[in-house]
Protein backbone atom coordinates (compact mmCIF):
# COMPACT_ATOMS: atom_id res chain seq x y z
CA MET A 1 -0.28 -0.18 -0.10
CA LEU A 2 2.36 2.41 1.25
CA ALA A 3 4.59 1.67 -2.12
CA ILE A 4 1.63 2.45 -4.18
CA VAL A 5 0.42 5.58 -2.49
CA GLY A 6 4.04 6.77 -2.81
CA LEU A 7 3.87 6.35 -6.26
CA ILE A 8 0.49 7.85 -7.22
CA THR A 9 2.08 10.24 -5.27
CA ILE A 10 5.14 11.43 -7.38
CA LEU A 11 2.89 10.72 -10.63
CA LEU A 12 0.37 13.27 -9.25
CA VAL A 13 2.91 16.19 -8.37
CA LEU A 14 5.32 15.41 -11.43
CA THR A 15 1.85 15.50 -13.85
CA LEU A 16 0.74 19.33 -11.63
CA ILE A 17 4.00 20.35 -11.80
CA MET A 18 4.55 19.79 -15.75
CA THR A 19 0.97 20.65 -16.73
CA LYS A 20 1.08 23.65 -14.86
CA LYS A 21 -2.09 23.24 -13.24
CA LEU A 22 -0.54 23.60 -10.05
CA SER A 23 3.30 25.51 -8.89
CA THR A 24 5.67 23.85 -7.89
CA MET A 25 5.18 25.22 -4.59
CA SER A 26 1.52 23.73 -4.41
CA ALA A 27 2.50 20.60 -5.64
CA LEU A 28 5.39 19.47 -3.67
CA ILE A 29 2.67 20.27 -0.17
CA ALA A 30 -0.42 19.94 -1.07
CA ILE A 31 0.00 16.07 -2.52
CA PRO A 32 2.15 14.66 0.14
CA ILE A 33 -0.15 16.57 2.58
CA LEU A 34 -3.29 14.05 1.24
CA ALA A 35 -1.12 11.34 0.75
CA CYS A 36 -0.24 11.22 4.12
CA LEU A 37 -3.54 12.01 5.18
CA PHE A 38 -5.05 9.00 3.10
CA LEU A 39 -2.42 6.30 4.84
CA GLY A 40 -4.00 7.54 8.33
CA GLN A 41 -1.00 8.87 9.42
CA ALA A 42 -2.31 12.76 10.30
CA GLY A 43 -1.28 13.00 13.71
CA ASP A 44 2.45 12.40 12.43
CA LEU A 45 2.03 15.33 9.68
CA GLY A 46 3.36 18.11 11.83
CA LYS A 47 6.46 15.97 12.86
CA PHE A 48 6.99 15.06 9.16
CA MET A 49 6.76 18.42 8.16
CA LEU A 50 8.92 20.00 10.16
CA ALA A 51 12.33 17.41 10.15
CA GLY A 52 11.70 18.57 6.53
CA ILE A 53 12.00 21.77 6.82
CA LYS A 54 15.00 21.39 9.39
CA ASN A 55 17.02 19.45 6.85
CA VAL A 56 16.83 22.40 4.60
CA ALA A 57 16.70 25.49 6.40
CA PRO A 58 20.94 25.99 5.85
CA THR A 59 20.25 25.24 2.42
CA GLY A 60 17.71 28.06 1.94
CA ALA A 61 19.48 30.46 4.13
CA MET A 62 22.49 29.54 1.89
CA PHE A 63 20.77 30.51 -1.41
CA ILE A 64 18.96 33.93 -0.49
CA PHE A 65 22.79 35.36 0.73
CA ALA A 66 24.59 34.24 -2.20
CA VAL A 67 22.14 35.55 -4.61
CA LEU A 68 22.12 38.91 -2.55
CA PHE A 69 25.65 39.06 -2.60
CA PHE A 70 26.19 38.22 -6.20
CA THR A 71 23.24 40.34 -7.37
CA ILE A 72 24.47 43.62 -5.51
CA MET A 73 27.82 42.76 -6.77
CA GLY A 74 26.29 43.04 -9.90
CA ASP A 75 25.03 46.37 -9.11
CA ALA A 76 28.23 47.81 -7.84
CA GLY A 77 29.93 47.06 -11.25
CA VAL A 78 32.51 44.21 -10.84
CA PHE A 79 30.90 41.99 -13.42
CA GLU A 80 30.76 44.58 -15.89
CA ARG A 81 34.18 45.76 -15.41
CA ILE A 82 35.40 42.12 -16.09
CA VAL A 83 32.67 41.68 -18.83
CA ASN A 84 34.31 45.33 -21.00
CA LYS A 85 37.70 43.55 -20.68
CA ILE A 86 36.96 40.65 -22.33
CA ILE A 87 34.89 42.33 -24.83
CA GLY A 88 37.97 44.39 -25.74
CA VAL A 89 39.79 41.23 -26.37
CA VAL A 90 38.05 39.58 -28.85
CA GLY A 91 37.87 41.74 -31.13
CA SER A 92 36.67 40.55 -34.37
CA ASP A 93 38.29 37.36 -34.38
CA PRO A 94 34.83 34.59 -34.53
CA ILE A 95 37.69 31.95 -32.63
CA LYS A 96 38.26 35.05 -29.73
CA VAL A 97 34.79 36.12 -30.07
CA CYS A 98 33.27 32.08 -29.21
CA VAL A 99 36.16 32.07 -26.48
CA GLY A 100 35.10 35.40 -24.80
CA THR A 101 31.71 34.93 -25.02
CA PHE A 102 31.76 31.24 -22.60
CA VAL A 103 34.26 33.12 -20.20
CA ILE A 104 32.17 36.02 -19.82
CA THR A 105 29.01 33.53 -19.18
CA MET A 106 31.08 31.86 -16.64
CA PHE A 107 32.06 34.97 -14.74
CA CYS A 108 27.99 36.11 -14.78
CA HIS A 109 26.92 32.73 -13.59
CA LEU A 110 28.42 32.89 -10.22
CA ASP A 111 25.17 34.63 -9.24
CA GLY A 112 23.79 30.88 -10.13
CA SER A 113 20.82 32.84 -11.74
CA GLY A 114 20.42 31.75 -15.69
CA ALA A 115 18.14 34.21 -16.46
CA ALA A 116 20.83 37.31 -15.12
CA THR A 117 23.30 35.74 -16.67
CA PHE A 118 21.09 35.80 -20.13
CA LEU A 119 20.35 39.21 -19.85
CA ILE A 120 23.98 40.82 -19.46
CA VAL A 121 25.56 38.29 -21.84
CA ILE A 122 23.44 38.04 -24.96
CA PRO A 123 22.60 41.81 -25.28
CA ALA A 124 26.45 42.47 -25.06
CA MET A 125 27.67 39.62 -27.49
CA LEU A 126 24.72 39.66 -30.22
CA PRO A 127 25.88 43.17 -31.80
CA ILE A 128 29.11 41.46 -32.46
CA PHE A 129 27.85 38.21 -33.65
CA ASP A 130 25.61 40.30 -35.86
CA LYS A 131 28.03 42.76 -37.32
CA LEU A 132 31.01 39.20 -38.08
CA LYS A 133 27.35 37.45 -39.68
CA MET A 134 28.28 34.81 -37.14
CA ASP A 135 25.32 32.61 -36.57
CA ARG A 136 23.24 33.24 -33.38
CA ARG A 137 22.81 29.22 -32.53
CA ILE A 138 26.38 29.46 -31.69
CA LEU A 139 25.97 32.08 -29.69
CA ALA A 140 22.96 30.50 -27.80
CA THR A 141 24.91 27.27 -27.64
CA ILE A 142 27.85 28.63 -26.23
CA VAL A 143 26.01 30.61 -23.65
CA ALA A 144 23.90 27.43 -22.89
CA LEU A 145 27.02 25.43 -22.35
CA GLY A 146 28.70 27.94 -19.78
CA ALA A 147 25.61 28.82 -17.65
CA GLY A 148 24.92 25.17 -17.52
CA THR A 149 28.26 23.86 -16.37
CA MET A 150 28.81 26.87 -13.87
CA ASN A 151 25.14 25.68 -12.67
CA MET A 152 27.10 23.12 -10.51
CA LEU A 153 28.42 25.69 -8.27
CA PRO A 154 27.03 24.96 -4.75
CA TRP A 155 24.46 27.46 -5.24
CA GLY A 156 23.38 26.11 -8.83
CA GLY A 157 20.05 25.19 -9.09
CA PRO A 158 20.46 21.83 -9.50
CA THR A 159 23.40 21.09 -7.14
CA LEU A 160 21.09 22.74 -4.51
CA ARG A 161 18.04 20.14 -5.37
CA ALA A 162 19.98 17.34 -5.18
CA ALA A 163 21.82 18.04 -1.63
CA THR A 164 18.41 19.14 -0.71
CA ALA A 165 16.73 15.93 -1.74
CA LEU A 166 19.04 13.89 -0.62
CA ASP A 167 19.37 15.54 3.00
CA VAL A 168 23.55 15.86 2.69
CA PRO A 169 25.50 19.08 3.33
CA VAL A 170 25.39 20.92 -0.17
CA MET A 171 29.85 21.16 -0.14
CA GLU A 172 30.16 17.30 0.40
CA LEU A 173 28.06 16.62 -2.43
CA PHE A 174 29.93 19.57 -4.61
CA ASN A 175 33.72 19.33 -3.30
CA PRO A 176 34.34 15.93 -4.90
CA MET A 177 32.51 17.76 -8.55
CA MET A 178 35.33 20.22 -8.78
CA LEU A 179 37.30 18.52 -10.95
CA PRO A 180 35.13 17.00 -13.29
CA GLN A 181 33.12 20.50 -13.47
CA ILE A 182 37.14 21.98 -14.45
CA CYS A 183 37.28 19.58 -17.04
CA GLY A 184 33.60 20.03 -18.52
CA LEU A 185 34.66 24.00 -18.59
CA ILE A 186 37.49 22.35 -20.76
CA ALA A 187 35.60 20.77 -23.05
CA GLY A 188 33.06 23.65 -23.18
CA ILE A 189 36.23 25.80 -24.56
CA ALA A 190 37.07 23.74 -26.63
CA ILE A 191 33.24 23.53 -28.13
CA ALA A 192 33.67 27.25 -28.51
CA VAL A 193 37.28 27.15 -30.31
CA MET A 194 35.61 24.74 -32.93
CA PHE A 195 32.71 27.30 -33.23
CA GLY A 196 34.77 29.64 -33.59
CA ILE A 197 37.07 28.12 -36.38
CA LYS A 198 34.19 26.62 -38.07
CA GLU A 199 32.70 30.34 -38.53
CA LYS A 200 36.14 31.92 -39.41
CA ARG A 201 36.16 29.56 -42.52
CA ARG A 202 32.15 29.68 -43.42
CA LEU A 203 32.90 33.28 -43.54
CA GLY A 204 35.85 33.29 -45.85
CA VAL A 205 36.90 37.37 -45.53
CA SER A 206 39.26 39.31 -43.60
CA LEU A 207 37.79 40.69 -40.94
CA ALA A 208 37.69 44.25 -39.97
CA GLU A 209 37.60 45.57 -36.10
CA ILE A 210 34.22 46.44 -34.71
CA SER A 211 33.14 48.59 -32.09
CA VAL A 212 30.42 47.79 -29.59
CA ALA A 213 29.02 50.84 -28.00
CA PRO A 214 29.44 50.58 -24.17
CA MET A 215 26.16 50.33 -22.01
CA VAL A 216 24.61 52.81 -21.48
CA LEU A 217 23.49 53.16 -17.82
CA SER A 218 20.58 55.01 -15.45
CA GLU A 219 21.49 57.60 -13.23
CA GLU A 220 20.25 55.29 -10.51
CA GLU A 221 22.64 52.13 -11.97
CA GLN A 222 25.73 54.65 -12.33
CA ALA A 223 25.16 55.83 -8.31
CA LEU A 224 25.04 52.78 -7.56
CA ARG A 225 28.54 51.67 -9.60
CA ARG A 226 32.06 51.68 -7.20
CA PRO A 227 34.71 51.60 -9.50
CA LYS A 228 37.33 52.54 -7.19
CA LEU A 229 36.22 49.15 -5.08
CA PHE A 230 36.82 47.11 -7.88
CA TRP A 231 39.70 44.84 -6.43
CA PHE A 232 38.45 45.25 -2.93
CA ASN A 233 35.33 43.48 -4.15
CA LEU A 234 37.26 41.38 -6.65
CA VAL A 235 39.60 39.74 -3.74
CA LEU A 236 36.28 39.55 -1.25
CA ILE A 237 34.53 37.50 -4.12
CA ILE A 238 37.31 35.12 -4.21
CA ALA A 239 38.26 34.72 -0.28
CA THR A 240 34.48 33.98 0.14
CA VAL A 241 34.32 31.28 -2.60
CA ALA A 242 37.67 30.03 -1.65
CA VAL A 243 36.95 29.78 2.57
CA MET A 244 33.29 28.11 1.60
CA VAL A 245 35.34 25.70 -0.26
CA GLU A 246 37.88 25.01 2.54
CA GLY A 247 35.23 24.42 4.92
CA SER A 248 36.21 26.63 8.09
CA LEU A 249 33.07 28.26 7.66
CA PRO A 250 29.46 27.17 6.75
CA PRO A 251 28.39 28.30 3.44
CA VAL A 252 25.27 30.14 5.00
CA GLY A 253 28.30 31.47 6.99
CA CYS A 254 30.42 32.93 4.61
CA PHE A 255 27.68 34.25 2.32
CA MET A 256 26.26 36.03 5.43
CA ALA A 257 29.68 37.44 6.39
CA ALA A 258 30.35 38.32 2.82
CA LEU A 259 27.45 40.26 2.10
CA VAL A 260 27.48 42.09 5.34
CA ILE A 261 31.30 43.09 4.32
CA MET A 262 30.11 44.36 0.99
CA LEU A 263 27.15 45.97 2.11
CA MET A 264 29.53 48.14 4.33
CA VAL A 265 32.53 48.79 2.23
CA ASN A 266 30.46 49.92 -0.87
CA TYR A 267 27.25 50.87 0.58
CA PRO A 268 27.20 52.63 4.08
CA ASP A 269 24.36 54.37 3.81
CA VAL A 270 21.77 52.47 6.01
CA LYS A 271 18.61 53.22 3.55
CA LEU A 272 20.58 52.18 0.37
CA GLN A 273 21.50 48.82 1.87
CA GLY A 274 17.65 48.34 2.33
CA LYS A 275 16.98 49.45 -0.88
CA LEU A 276 19.08 47.29 -2.48
CA ILE A 277 18.17 44.00 -0.55
CA ASP A 278 14.64 44.82 -1.43
CA ALA A 279 14.93 44.97 -5.29
CA HIS A 280 16.91 41.84 -5.07
CA ALA A 281 15.21 39.74 -2.18
CA LYS A 282 11.66 38.59 -4.52
CA GLU A 283 13.86 36.27 -7.18
CA ALA A 284 15.86 34.83 -3.69
CA LEU A 285 12.84 34.46 -1.59
CA MET A 286 11.13 32.99 -4.68
CA MET A 287 13.77 30.04 -4.71
CA ALA A 288 14.04 29.68 -1.28
CA SER A 289 9.82 28.81 -0.84
CA VAL A 290 10.55 25.76 -3.65
CA LEU A 291 13.78 24.43 -1.10
CA PHE A 292 11.55 24.93 1.68
CA ALA A 293 8.40 23.17 0.17
CA ALA A 294 10.38 20.45 -1.13
CA GLY A 295 11.53 19.95 2.19
CA ILE A 296 7.67 19.32 3.04
CA PHE A 297 7.93 16.67 0.28
CA THR A 298 11.01 14.92 1.15
CA GLY A 299 10.17 14.73 5.13
CA ILE A 300 6.55 13.76 4.55
CA MET A 301 7.84 10.99 2.00
CA LYS A 302 10.63 9.65 4.17
CA GLY A 303 8.54 9.88 7.71
CA SER A 304 5.54 7.91 6.37
CA GLY A 305 7.62 5.34 4.75
CA MET A 306 6.62 5.93 1.06
CA ILE A 307 10.18 6.14 -0.06
CA ASP A 308 11.49 3.06 1.72
CA ALA A 309 8.14 1.10 0.52
CA MET A 310 8.80 2.26 -3.75
CA ALA A 311 12.89 1.61 -2.66
CA LYS A 312 12.31 -1.85 -1.63
CA GLY A 313 10.11 -2.24 -4.70
CA LEU A 314 11.98 -1.09 -7.17
CA VAL A 315 14.69 -3.05 -6.15
CA ALA A 316 12.94 -5.93 -6.34
CA ILE A 317 12.36 -5.35 -10.32
CA MET A 318 16.00 -4.20 -11.02
CA PRO A 319 17.53 -6.42 -12.96
CA ASP A 320 20.78 -7.57 -10.55
CA ALA A 321 23.52 -6.89 -13.61
CA LEU A 322 22.44 -3.67 -13.94
CA ALA A 323 22.56 -2.74 -9.94
CA PRO A 324 26.31 -2.02 -9.31
CA HIS A 325 26.02 0.50 -12.40
CA PHE A 326 22.98 2.54 -11.27
CA ALA A 327 24.81 5.96 -10.74
CA VAL A 328 26.65 5.50 -14.46
CA ILE A 329 23.71 4.55 -15.87
CA ILE A 330 21.81 7.91 -14.11
CA GLY A 331 24.59 9.87 -15.66
CA VAL A 332 24.26 8.70 -19.20
CA ILE A 333 20.75 9.59 -19.04
CA SER A 334 20.23 12.70 -17.16
CA MET A 335 20.57 15.29 -19.51
CA PRO A 336 18.19 13.40 -22.01
CA ALA A 337 15.88 13.42 -19.13
CA SER A 338 15.89 16.85 -18.90
CA LEU A 339 13.71 17.28 -21.94
CA LEU A 340 11.38 15.12 -19.70
CA PHE A 341 11.74 16.16 -16.14
CA ASP A 342 11.78 20.30 -15.00
CA PRO A 343 14.35 19.97 -12.19
CA ASP A 344 11.47 20.34 -9.22
CA SER A 345 10.51 17.50 -10.86
CA PHE A 346 13.29 15.08 -10.99
CA TYR A 347 15.14 16.16 -7.37
CA PHE A 348 12.61 16.22 -5.52
CA ALA A 349 10.07 13.57 -6.92
CA VAL A 350 12.56 11.08 -8.76
CA LEU A 351 15.80 11.02 -7.27
CA PRO A 352 14.82 10.30 -3.61
CA VAL A 353 13.60 6.82 -4.78
CA LEU A 354 16.31 6.34 -6.88
CA ALA A 355 18.70 6.91 -4.00
CA GLN A 356 16.76 4.57 -1.57
CA ALA A 357 16.91 2.20 -3.88
CA ALA A 358 20.68 2.53 -4.48
CA ASN A 359 21.24 2.11 -0.70
CA ALA A 360 19.79 -1.04 -1.02
CA VAL A 361 21.98 -2.63 -3.45
CA GLY A 362 25.45 -0.97 -2.07
CA LEU A 363 25.74 2.70 -3.66
CA ALA A 364 25.67 5.31 -1.80
CA GLY A 365 22.80 7.96 -2.13
CA ILE A 366 25.28 10.93 -2.85
CA ASP A 367 26.60 8.65 -5.98
CA LEU A 368 23.45 9.15 -7.54
CA GLY A 369 23.14 12.95 -6.88
CA ARG A 370 26.51 13.59 -8.13
CA ALA A 371 25.67 11.83 -11.20
CA ALA A 372 22.28 13.85 -11.59
CA ILE A 373 24.32 16.62 -11.56
CA CYS A 374 26.49 15.96 -14.31
CA GLY A 375 22.76 16.00 -16.91
CA GLU A 376 20.07 16.72 -15.01
CA MET A 377 18.58 20.02 -16.23
CA THR A 378 22.31 19.80 -18.26
CA LEU A 379 24.23 20.55 -15.33
CA GLY A 380 21.69 23.57 -15.81
CA PHE A 381 22.12 23.48 -19.87
CA PRO A 382 19.18 25.58 -20.95
CA ILE A 383 16.98 23.40 -23.73
CA SER A 384 14.09 21.95 -22.04
CA PRO A 385 10.68 23.70 -22.54
CA LEU A 386 9.90 23.13 -19.12
CA THR A 387 12.52 25.56 -17.95
CA PRO A 388 11.41 29.34 -18.56
CA ALA A 389 15.13 30.67 -18.49
CA THR A 390 15.25 28.52 -21.90
CA PHE A 391 12.55 30.73 -23.19
CA LEU A 392 14.43 33.57 -21.74
CA LEU A 393 17.47 32.39 -23.63
CA ILE A 394 15.85 32.04 -27.15
CA GLY A 395 14.10 35.28 -26.90
CA LEU A 396 17.17 37.33 -26.50
CA ALA A 397 19.03 35.66 -29.53
CA GLY A 398 16.29 35.85 -31.81
CA ILE A 399 16.10 31.75 -32.63
CA ASP A 400 13.84 29.43 -32.52
CA LEU A 401 13.45 26.21 -29.79
CA GLY A 402 13.58 23.97 -32.40
CA ASP A 403 16.63 25.43 -33.86
CA HIS A 404 18.15 25.78 -30.51
CA GLN A 405 17.54 22.43 -29.28
CA LYS A 406 18.92 20.93 -32.42
CA HIS A 407 21.94 23.03 -32.26
CA THR A 408 22.82 22.50 -28.83
CA PHE A 409 21.67 18.85 -27.62
CA PHE A 410 24.12 16.68 -28.52
CA TRP A 411 27.30 19.33 -27.47
CA ALA A 412 25.41 19.84 -24.91
CA TRP A 413 25.24 16.18 -23.46
CA LEU A 414 28.55 15.94 -24.17
CA VAL A 415 30.16 18.46 -22.11
CA SER A 416 27.87 15.94 -19.33
CA LEU A 417 28.94 13.02 -20.77
CA VAL A 418 33.02 14.75 -20.23
CA VAL A 419 31.87 15.71 -16.35
CA LEU A 420 30.61 11.94 -16.14
CA ILE A 421 33.89 10.05 -17.19
CA ALA A 422 35.79 12.80 -15.57
CA ALA A 423 34.13 11.96 -12.17
CA ILE A 424 34.57 8.16 -12.60
CA LEU A 425 38.01 8.58 -13.69
CA VAL A 426 39.15 10.75 -10.44
CA GLY A 427 36.54 7.97 -8.09
CA THR A 428 33.54 10.27 -7.62
CA ILE A 429 31.24 8.38 -8.95
CA PRO A 430 31.30 4.29 -8.85
CA LEU A 431 31.20 2.78 -12.33
């Protein structure tokens, strides 16, 4: 009974989210509550929910402060200066333009926000692509690969979701994946070089230097810039990430302290600090609310015994020959699966069941989490119609979704496989 009810619960959550009949947050809360009531466990419902919320609280807090830190750093002009320097270097060489686009995307995606990255990179690089008559699909693909691979960062969507769903510290999940992520970034740069060579051959003409007009800032935006504090802010970013990776402070503590220091130095006026926080808090809180909803979902599913029951059922029907390679299988198919599942559905509804099944055959659930972030939602590659950021990307680039998917799918899958193979070779994911 538990397994059947659990399966129906997950299918309902997936269906309602993918058909947009309910919001992600509503589906993650309402459906498991109804299932728990049906099972006659209403008396324990509050306990299950509270346990789930407690498990995700550190992750949710880290996400809020990370987003605030990086977005306000953007207001101070840190990333703008880096972007302008790169644009000044790439000139009119298609190879440099493609590689520069990838590098700019990497820097811009430090805040873990795909939408913000696309809003910065596409408008900055599109004039260059158009003046050189380069294929806009290449621009969208390169940005997708760069943003997707960077999305493995601890505050990126896939890694946060995986850590939350598996109830493991986010840094424990991410740290062993640092080298595979670097390999993925190298693969992305190599693909960008290949695109540049291809376009240079296609154009087949002597390319004149182009000039791109600098971004025009409003008076309010200009007033927020802190060019004299650029190096201080850059060192603060590097130090924050270094301390977090080193582990002497919890991630939420790192970003809380860094945010306070950055605000006090850059914007000592208390009213201005409040204004900046208000301007960027909405996006952060919306994502955090989904994480807390996911905590309730996983808390109820685990506490009621539904996940355990489904895991046992899955193990019972799983061919014995495949069980030891479960993590690798997940890593291989997770990128194509992003076309069928949105990130919330996969990580909060499917992954916990798979992890429980893996535990039953001697695999650690965290191994499946690491395998999943190699590809599910592409590490974050925006190609799925279930991801709103995909439409922002193609809209800004002025290309069709079908064309973008055809042009990007293979390369996104290739990068995800490079990350997976690197993780296997360094022993992060068991073969």
